[in-house]
Amino acid sequence: MAKLSKKEALDFHTQGRPGKIAVVPTKPLTSQRDLSLAYSPGVAEPCMEIYRDPSAVYRYTARGNLV
């Protein structure tokens, strides 16, 4: 691995928007209905499916995308 200079590292971290990771929606959230489906009360249905079948966690959550 190439040696990195302090200046190079500091310059990298000041370019563009602050931070390295952004959180963006994976579902459309353009209406009150969308928010109700994504959160309360809509989120209860996937929660109940996961309760009945724990392997469903990969189908209904970000669990499979985590490092």
PDB file of N, CA and C in Angstrom:
ATOM      1  N   MET A   1       0.837  -1.172   0.000  1.00  0.00           N
ATOM      2  CA  MET A   1       0.000   0.000   0.000  1.00  0.00           C
ATOM      3  C   MET A   1       0.887   1.242   0.000  1.00  0.00           C
ATOM      4  N   ALA A   2       0.504   2.216  -0.800  1.00  0.00           N
ATOM      5  CA  ALA A   2       1.283   3.449  -0.895  1.00  0.00           C
ATOM      6  C   ALA A   2       1.169   4.255   0.394  1.00  0.00           C
ATOM      7  N   LYS A   3       2.234   4.924   0.738  1.00  0.00           N
ATOM      8  CA  LYS A   3       2.228   5.775   1.935  1.00  0.00           C
ATOM      9  C   LYS A   3       1.393   7.021   1.641  1.00  0.00           C
ATOM     10  N   LEU A   4       0.545   7.370   2.584  1.00  0.00           N
ATOM     11  CA  LEU A   4      -0.311   8.541   2.431  1.00  0.00           C
ATOM     12  C   LEU A   4       0.248   9.686   3.258  1.00  0.00           C
ATOM     13  N   SER A   5       0.242  10.865   2.661  1.00  0.00           N
ATOM     14  CA  SER A   5       0.727  12.021   3.417  1.00  0.00           C
ATOM     15  C   SER A   5      -0.411  12.617   4.242  1.00  0.00           C
ATOM     16  N   LYS A   6      -0.034  13.314   5.293  1.00  0.00           N
ATOM     17  CA  LYS A   6      -1.015  13.987   6.147  1.00  0.00           C
ATOM     18  C   LYS A   6      -1.833  14.971   5.317  1.00  0.00           C
ATOM     19  N   LYS A   7      -1.167  15.756   4.466  1.00  0.00           N
ATOM     20  CA  LYS A   7      -1.848  16.749   3.635  1.00  0.00           C
ATOM     21  C   LYS A   7      -2.849  16.082   2.701  1.00  0.00           C
ATOM     22  N   GLU A   8      -2.441  14.982   2.083  1.00  0.00           N
ATOM     23  CA  GLU A   8      -3.329  14.269   1.164  1.00  0.00           C
ATOM     24  C   GLU A   8      -4.584  13.782   1.889  1.00  0.00           C
ATOM     25  N   ALA A   9      -4.401  13.238   3.079  1.00  0.00           N
ATOM     26  CA  ALA A   9      -5.541  12.740   3.855  1.00  0.00           C
ATOM     27  C   ALA A   9      -6.460  13.883   4.268  1.00  0.00           C
ATOM     28  N   LEU A  10      -5.885  14.989   4.735  1.00  0.00           N
ATOM     29  CA  LEU A  10      -6.703  16.130   5.147  1.00  0.00           C
ATOM     30  C   LEU A  10      -7.433  16.741   3.957  1.00  0.00           C
ATOM     31  N   ASP A  11      -6.761  16.856   2.827  1.00  0.00           N
ATOM     32  CA  ASP A  11      -7.398  17.391   1.620  1.00  0.00           C
ATOM     33  C   ASP A  11      -8.575  16.515   1.194  1.00  0.00           C
ATOM     34  N   PHE A  12      -8.384  15.215   1.234  1.00  0.00           N
ATOM     35  CA  PHE A  12      -9.448  14.278   0.848  1.00  0.00           C
ATOM     36  C   PHE A  12     -10.700  14.511   1.684  1.00  0.00           C
ATOM     37  N   HIS A  13     -10.511  14.695   2.980  1.00  0.00           N
ATOM     38  CA  HIS A  13     -11.645  14.818   3.896  1.00  0.00           C
ATOM     39  C   HIS A  13     -12.317  16.182   3.848  1.00  0.00           C
ATOM     40  N   THR A  14     -11.730  17.150   3.154  1.00  0.00           N
ATOM     41  CA  THR A  14     -12.364  18.465   3.034  1.00  0.00           C
ATOM     42  C   THR A  14     -13.010  18.674   1.673  1.00  0.00           C
ATOM     43  N   GLN A  15     -12.891  17.727   0.760  1.00  0.00           N
ATOM     44  CA  GLN A  15     -13.490  17.858  -0.571  1.00  0.00           C
ATOM     45  C   GLN A  15     -14.977  17.527  -0.532  1.00  0.00           C
ATOM     46  N   GLY A  16     -15.751  18.253  -1.323  1.00  0.00           N
ATOM     47  CA  GLY A  16     -17.178  17.952  -1.455  1.00  0.00           C
ATOM     48  C   GLY A  16     -17.938  18.138  -0.153  1.00  0.00           C
ATOM     49  N   ARG A  17     -19.035  17.413  -0.042  1.00  0.00           N
ATOM     50  CA  ARG A  17     -19.855  17.468   1.171  1.00  0.00           C
ATOM     51  C   ARG A  17     -19.119  16.819   2.329  1.00  0.00           C
ATOM     52  N   PRO A  18     -19.331  17.312   3.541  1.00  0.00           N
ATOM     53  CA  PRO A  18     -18.709  16.683   4.711  1.00  0.00           C
ATOM     54  C   PRO A  18     -19.203  15.245   4.893  1.00  0.00           C
ATOM     55  N   GLY A  19     -18.368  14.420   5.455  1.00  0.00           N
ATOM     56  CA  GLY A  19     -18.730  13.026   5.709  1.00  0.00           C
ATOM     57  C   GLY A  19     -18.375  12.127   4.539  1.00  0.00           C
ATOM     58  N   LYS A  20     -18.590  10.838   4.722  1.00  0.00           N
ATOM     59  CA  LYS A  20     -18.249   9.858   3.695  1.00  0.00           C
ATOM     60  C   LYS A  20     -19.432   9.020   3.243  1.00  0.00           C
ATOM     61  N   ILE A  21     -20.453   8.937   4.073  1.00  0.00           N
ATOM     62  CA  ILE A  21     -21.603   8.084   3.786  1.00  0.00           C
ATOM     63  C   ILE A  21     -22.866   8.926   3.864  1.00  0.00           C
ATOM     64  N   ALA A  22     -23.792   8.696   2.944  1.00  0.00           N
ATOM     65  CA  ALA A  22     -25.086   9.377   2.970  1.00  0.00           C
ATOM     66  C   ALA A  22     -26.180   8.336   3.163  1.00  0.00           C
ATOM     67  N   VAL A  23     -27.233   8.736   3.833  1.00  0.00           N
ATOM     68  CA  VAL A  23     -28.388   7.861   4.014  1.00  0.00           C
ATOM     69  C   VAL A  23     -29.492   8.384   3.108  1.00  0.00           C
ATOM     70  N   VAL A  24     -29.928   7.542   2.190  1.00  0.00           N
ATOM     71  CA  VAL A  24     -30.992   7.931   1.265  1.00  0.00           C
ATOM     72  C   VAL A  24     -32.086   6.875   1.297  1.00  0.00           C
ATOM     73  N   PRO A  25     -33.330   7.277   1.074  1.00  0.00           N
ATOM     74  CA  PRO A  25     -34.423   6.304   1.107  1.00  0.00           C
ATOM     75  C   PRO A  25     -34.288   5.268  -0.012  1.00  0.00           C
ATOM     76  N   THR A  26     -34.689   4.041   0.278  1.00  0.00           N
ATOM     77  CA  THR A  26     -34.705   2.982  -0.735  1.00  0.00           C
ATOM     78  C   THR A  26     -36.110   2.751  -1.273  1.00  0.00           C
ATOM     79  N   LYS A  27     -37.077   3.410  -0.685  1.00  0.00           N
ATOM     80  CA  LYS A  27     -38.475   3.328  -1.116  1.00  0.00           C
ATOM     81  C   LYS A  27     -38.962   4.744  -1.392  1.00  0.00           C
ATOM     82  N   PRO A  28     -39.977   4.897  -2.262  1.00  0.00           N
ATOM     83  CA  PRO A  28     -40.515   6.243  -2.486  1.00  0.00           C
ATOM     84  C   PRO A  28     -41.217   6.742  -1.228  1.00  0.00           C
ATOM     85  N   LEU A  29     -40.906   7.941  -0.815  1.00  0.00           N
ATOM     86  CA  LEU A  29     -41.539   8.550   0.359  1.00  0.00           C
ATOM     87  C   LEU A  29     -42.033   9.935  -0.044  1.00  0.00           C
ATOM     88  N   THR A  30     -43.070   9.947  -0.877  1.00  0.00           N
ATOM     89  CA  THR A  30     -43.555  11.216  -1.421  1.00  0.00           C
ATOM     90  C   THR A  30     -44.931  11.612  -0.908  1.00  0.00           C
ATOM     91  N   SER A  31     -45.536  10.775  -0.087  1.00  0.00           N
ATOM     92  CA  SER A  31     -46.876  11.093   0.408  1.00  0.00           C
ATOM     93  C   SER A  31     -47.037  10.605   1.848  1.00  0.00           C
ATOM     94  N   GLN A  32     -48.112  11.051   2.466  1.00  0.00           N
ATOM     95  CA  GLN A  32     -48.436  10.590   3.814  1.00  0.00           C
ATOM     96  C   GLN A  32     -48.660   9.078   3.808  1.00  0.00           C
ATOM     97  N   ARG A  33     -49.285   8.569   2.736  1.00  0.00           N
ATOM     98  CA  ARG A  33     -49.527   7.119   2.627  1.00  0.00           C
ATOM     99  C   ARG A  33     -48.207   6.350   2.609  1.00  0.00           C
ATOM    100  N   ASP A  34     -47.237   6.835   1.829  1.00  0.00           N
ATOM    101  CA  ASP A  34     -45.921   6.186   1.786  1.00  0.00           C
ATOM    102  C   ASP A  34     -45.299   6.140   3.176  1.00  0.00           C
ATOM    103  N   LEU A  35     -45.369   7.252   3.904  1.00  0.00           N
ATOM    104  CA  LEU A  35     -44.804   7.293   5.255  1.00  0.00           C
ATOM    105  C   LEU A  35     -45.533   6.337   6.187  1.00  0.00           C
ATOM    106  N   SER A  36     -46.853   6.223   6.029  1.00  0.00           N
ATOM    107  CA  SER A  36     -47.629   5.297   6.862  1.00  0.00           C
ATOM    108  C   SER A  36     -47.279   3.846   6.555  1.00  0.00           C
ATOM    109  N   LEU A  37     -46.995   3.552   5.291  1.00  0.00           N
ATOM    110  CA  LEU A  37     -46.576   2.190   4.932  1.00  0.00           C
ATOM    111  C   LEU A  37     -45.183   1.891   5.473  1.00  0.00           C
ATOM    112  N   ALA A  38     -44.297   2.877   5.402  1.00  0.00           N
ATOM    113  CA  ALA A  38     -42.911   2.673   5.833  1.00  0.00           C
ATOM    114  C   ALA A  38     -42.775   2.622   7.346  1.00  0.00           C
ATOM    115  N   TYR A  39     -43.551   3.425   8.037  1.00  0.00           N
ATOM    116  CA  TYR A  39     -43.440   3.524   9.490  1.00  0.00           C
ATOM    117  C   TYR A  39     -44.729   3.015  10.119  1.00  0.00           C
ATOM    118  N   SER A  40     -45.300   3.778  11.015  1.00  0.00           N
ATOM    119  CA  SER A  40     -46.496   3.313  11.708  1.00  0.00           C
ATOM    120  C   SER A  40     -47.738   3.748  10.938  1.00  0.00           C
ATOM    121  N   PRO A  41     -48.665   2.871  10.665  1.00  0.00           N
ATOM    122  CA  PRO A  41     -48.834   1.513  11.168  1.00  0.00           C
ATOM    123  C   PRO A  41     -48.252   0.434  10.256  1.00  0.00           C
ATOM    124  N   GLY A  42     -47.801   0.806   9.042  1.00  0.00           N
ATOM    125  CA  GLY A  42     -47.390  -0.184   8.047  1.00  0.00           C
ATOM    126  C   GLY A  42     -46.260  -1.103   8.449  1.00  0.00           C
ATOM    127  N   VAL A  43     -45.336  -0.625   9.258  1.00  0.00           N
ATOM    128  CA  VAL A  43     -44.182  -1.430   9.637  1.00  0.00           C
ATOM    129  C   VAL A  43     -44.567  -2.629  10.503  1.00  0.00           C
ATOM    130  N   ALA A  44     -45.746  -2.610  11.087  1.00  0.00           N
ATOM    131  CA  ALA A  44     -46.168  -3.722  11.955  1.00  0.00           C
ATOM    132  C   ALA A  44     -46.256  -5.039  11.188  1.00  0.00           C
ATOM    133  N   GLU A  45     -46.697  -4.994   9.933  1.00  0.00           N
ATOM    134  CA  GLU A  45     -46.852  -6.239   9.167  1.00  0.00           C
ATOM    135  C   GLU A  45     -45.524  -6.956   8.940  1.00  0.00           C
ATOM    136  N   PRO A  46     -44.480  -6.280   8.441  1.00  0.00           N
ATOM    137  CA  PRO A  46     -43.197  -6.971   8.316  1.00  0.00           C
ATOM    138  C   PRO A  46     -42.655  -7.435   9.667  1.00  0.00           C
ATOM    139  N   CYS A  47     -42.889  -6.654  10.720  1.00  0.00           N
ATOM    140  CA  CYS A  47     -42.432  -7.063  12.061  1.00  0.00           C
ATOM    141  C   CYS A  47     -43.087  -8.374  12.477  1.00  0.00           C
ATOM    142  N   MET A  48     -44.377  -8.506  12.213  1.00  0.00           N
ATOM    143  CA  MET A  48     -45.086  -9.735  12.571  1.00  0.00           C
ATOM    144  C   MET A  48     -44.590 -10.915  11.732  1.00  0.00           C
ATOM    145  N   GLU A  49     -44.301 -10.683  10.460  1.00  0.00           N
ATOM    146  CA  GLU A  49     -43.761 -11.751   9.607  1.00  0.00           C
ATOM    147  C   GLU A  49     -42.399 -12.207  10.126  1.00  0.00           C
ATOM    148  N   ILE A  50     -41.564 -11.270  10.526  1.00  0.00           N
ATOM    149  CA  ILE A  50     -40.242 -11.607  11.070  1.00  0.00           C
ATOM    150  C   ILE A  50     -40.393 -12.363  12.385  1.00  0.00           C
ATOM    151  N   TYR A  51     -41.379 -11.992  13.192  1.00  0.00           N
ATOM    152  CA  TYR A  51     -41.642 -12.705  14.448  1.00  0.00           C
ATOM    153  C   TYR A  51     -42.007 -14.161  14.153  1.00  0.00           C
ATOM    154  N   ARG A  52     -42.872 -14.367  13.135  1.00  0.00           N
ATOM    155  CA  ARG A  52     -43.300 -15.728  12.780  1.00  0.00           C
ATOM    156  C   ARG A  52     -42.189 -16.518  12.088  1.00  0.00           C
ATOM    157  N   ASP A  53     -41.385 -15.816  11.280  1.00  0.00           N
ATOM    158  CA  ASP A  53     -40.330 -16.473  10.507  1.00  0.00           C
ATOM    159  C   ASP A  53     -39.072 -15.603  10.558  1.00  0.00           C
ATOM    160  N   PRO A  54     -38.178 -15.851  11.513  1.00  0.00           N
ATOM    161  CA  PRO A  54     -36.991 -15.004  11.671  1.00  0.00           C
ATOM    162  C   PRO A  54     -36.138 -14.860  10.407  1.00  0.00           C
ATOM    163  N   SER A  55     -36.184 -15.817   9.501  1.00  0.00           N
ATOM    164  CA  SER A  55     -35.391 -15.677   8.275  1.00  0.00           C
ATOM    165  C   SER A  55     -35.953 -14.583   7.363  1.00  0.00           C
ATOM    166  N   ALA A  56     -37.180 -14.145   7.605  1.00  0.00           N
ATOM    167  CA  ALA A  56     -37.787 -13.071   6.811  1.00  0.00           C
ATOM    168  C   ALA A  56     -37.101 -11.731   7.057  1.00  0.00           C
ATOM    169  N   VAL A  57     -36.256 -11.660   8.071  1.00  0.00           N
ATOM    170  CA  VAL A  57     -35.548 -10.413   8.364  1.00  0.00           C
ATOM    171  C   VAL A  57     -34.754  -9.944   7.144  1.00  0.00           C
ATOM    172  N   TYR A  58     -34.251 -10.870   6.345  1.00  0.00           N
ATOM    173  CA  TYR A  58     -33.473 -10.511   5.161  1.00  0.00           C
ATOM    174  C   TYR A  58     -34.358  -9.974   4.044  1.00  0.00           C
ATOM    175  N   ARG A  59     -35.610 -10.358   4.013  1.00  0.00           N
ATOM    176  CA  ARG A  59     -36.550  -9.915   2.989  1.00  0.00           C
ATOM    177  C   ARG A  59     -37.095  -8.519   3.301  1.00  0.00           C
ATOM    178  N   TYR A  60     -37.291  -8.210   4.570  1.00  0.00           N
ATOM    179  CA  TYR A  60     -37.996  -6.990   4.954  1.00  0.00           C
ATOM    180  C   TYR A  60     -37.128  -5.897   5.569  1.00  0.00           C
ATOM    181  N   THR A  61     -35.854  -6.169   5.809  1.00  0.00           N
ATOM    182  CA  THR A  61     -34.989  -5.167   6.443  1.00  0.00           C
ATOM    183  C   THR A  61     -33.670  -5.040   5.690  1.00  0.00           C
ATOM    184  N   ALA A  62     -32.831  -4.145   6.150  1.00  0.00           N
ATOM    185  CA  ALA A  62     -31.503  -3.944   5.558  1.00  0.00           C
ATOM    186  C   ALA A  62     -30.486  -4.946   6.086  1.00  0.00           C
ATOM    187  N   ARG A  63     -30.909  -5.894   6.872  1.00  0.00           N
ATOM    188  CA  ARG A  63     -29.994  -6.846   7.521  1.00  0.00           C
ATOM    189  C   ARG A  63     -28.989  -7.463   6.542  1.00  0.00           C
ATOM    190  N   GLY A  64     -29.406  -7.803   5.359  1.00  0.00           N
ATOM    191  CA  GLY A  64     -28.514  -8.418   4.378  1.00  0.00           C
ATOM    192  C   GLY A  64     -27.530  -7.449   3.745  1.00  0.00           C
ATOM    193  N   ASN A  65     -27.707  -6.147   3.978  1.00  0.00           N
ATOM    194  CA  ASN A  65     -26.816  -5.139   3.394  1.00  0.00           C
ATOM    195  C   ASN A  65     -25.789  -4.604   4.372  1.00  0.00           C
ATOM    196  N   LEU A  66     -25.751  -5.123   5.576  1.00  0.00           N
ATOM    197  CA  LEU A  66     -24.851  -4.585   6.589  1.00  0.00           C
ATOM    198  C   LEU A  66     -23.480  -5.245   6.526  1.00  0.00           C
ATOM    199  N   VAL A  67     -22.475  -4.478   6.831  1.00  0.00           N
ATOM    200  CA  VAL A  67     -21.106  -4.991   6.828  1.00  0.00           C
ATOM    201  C   VAL A  67     -20.799  -5.568   8.189  1.00  0.00           C
TER     202      VAL A  67
END
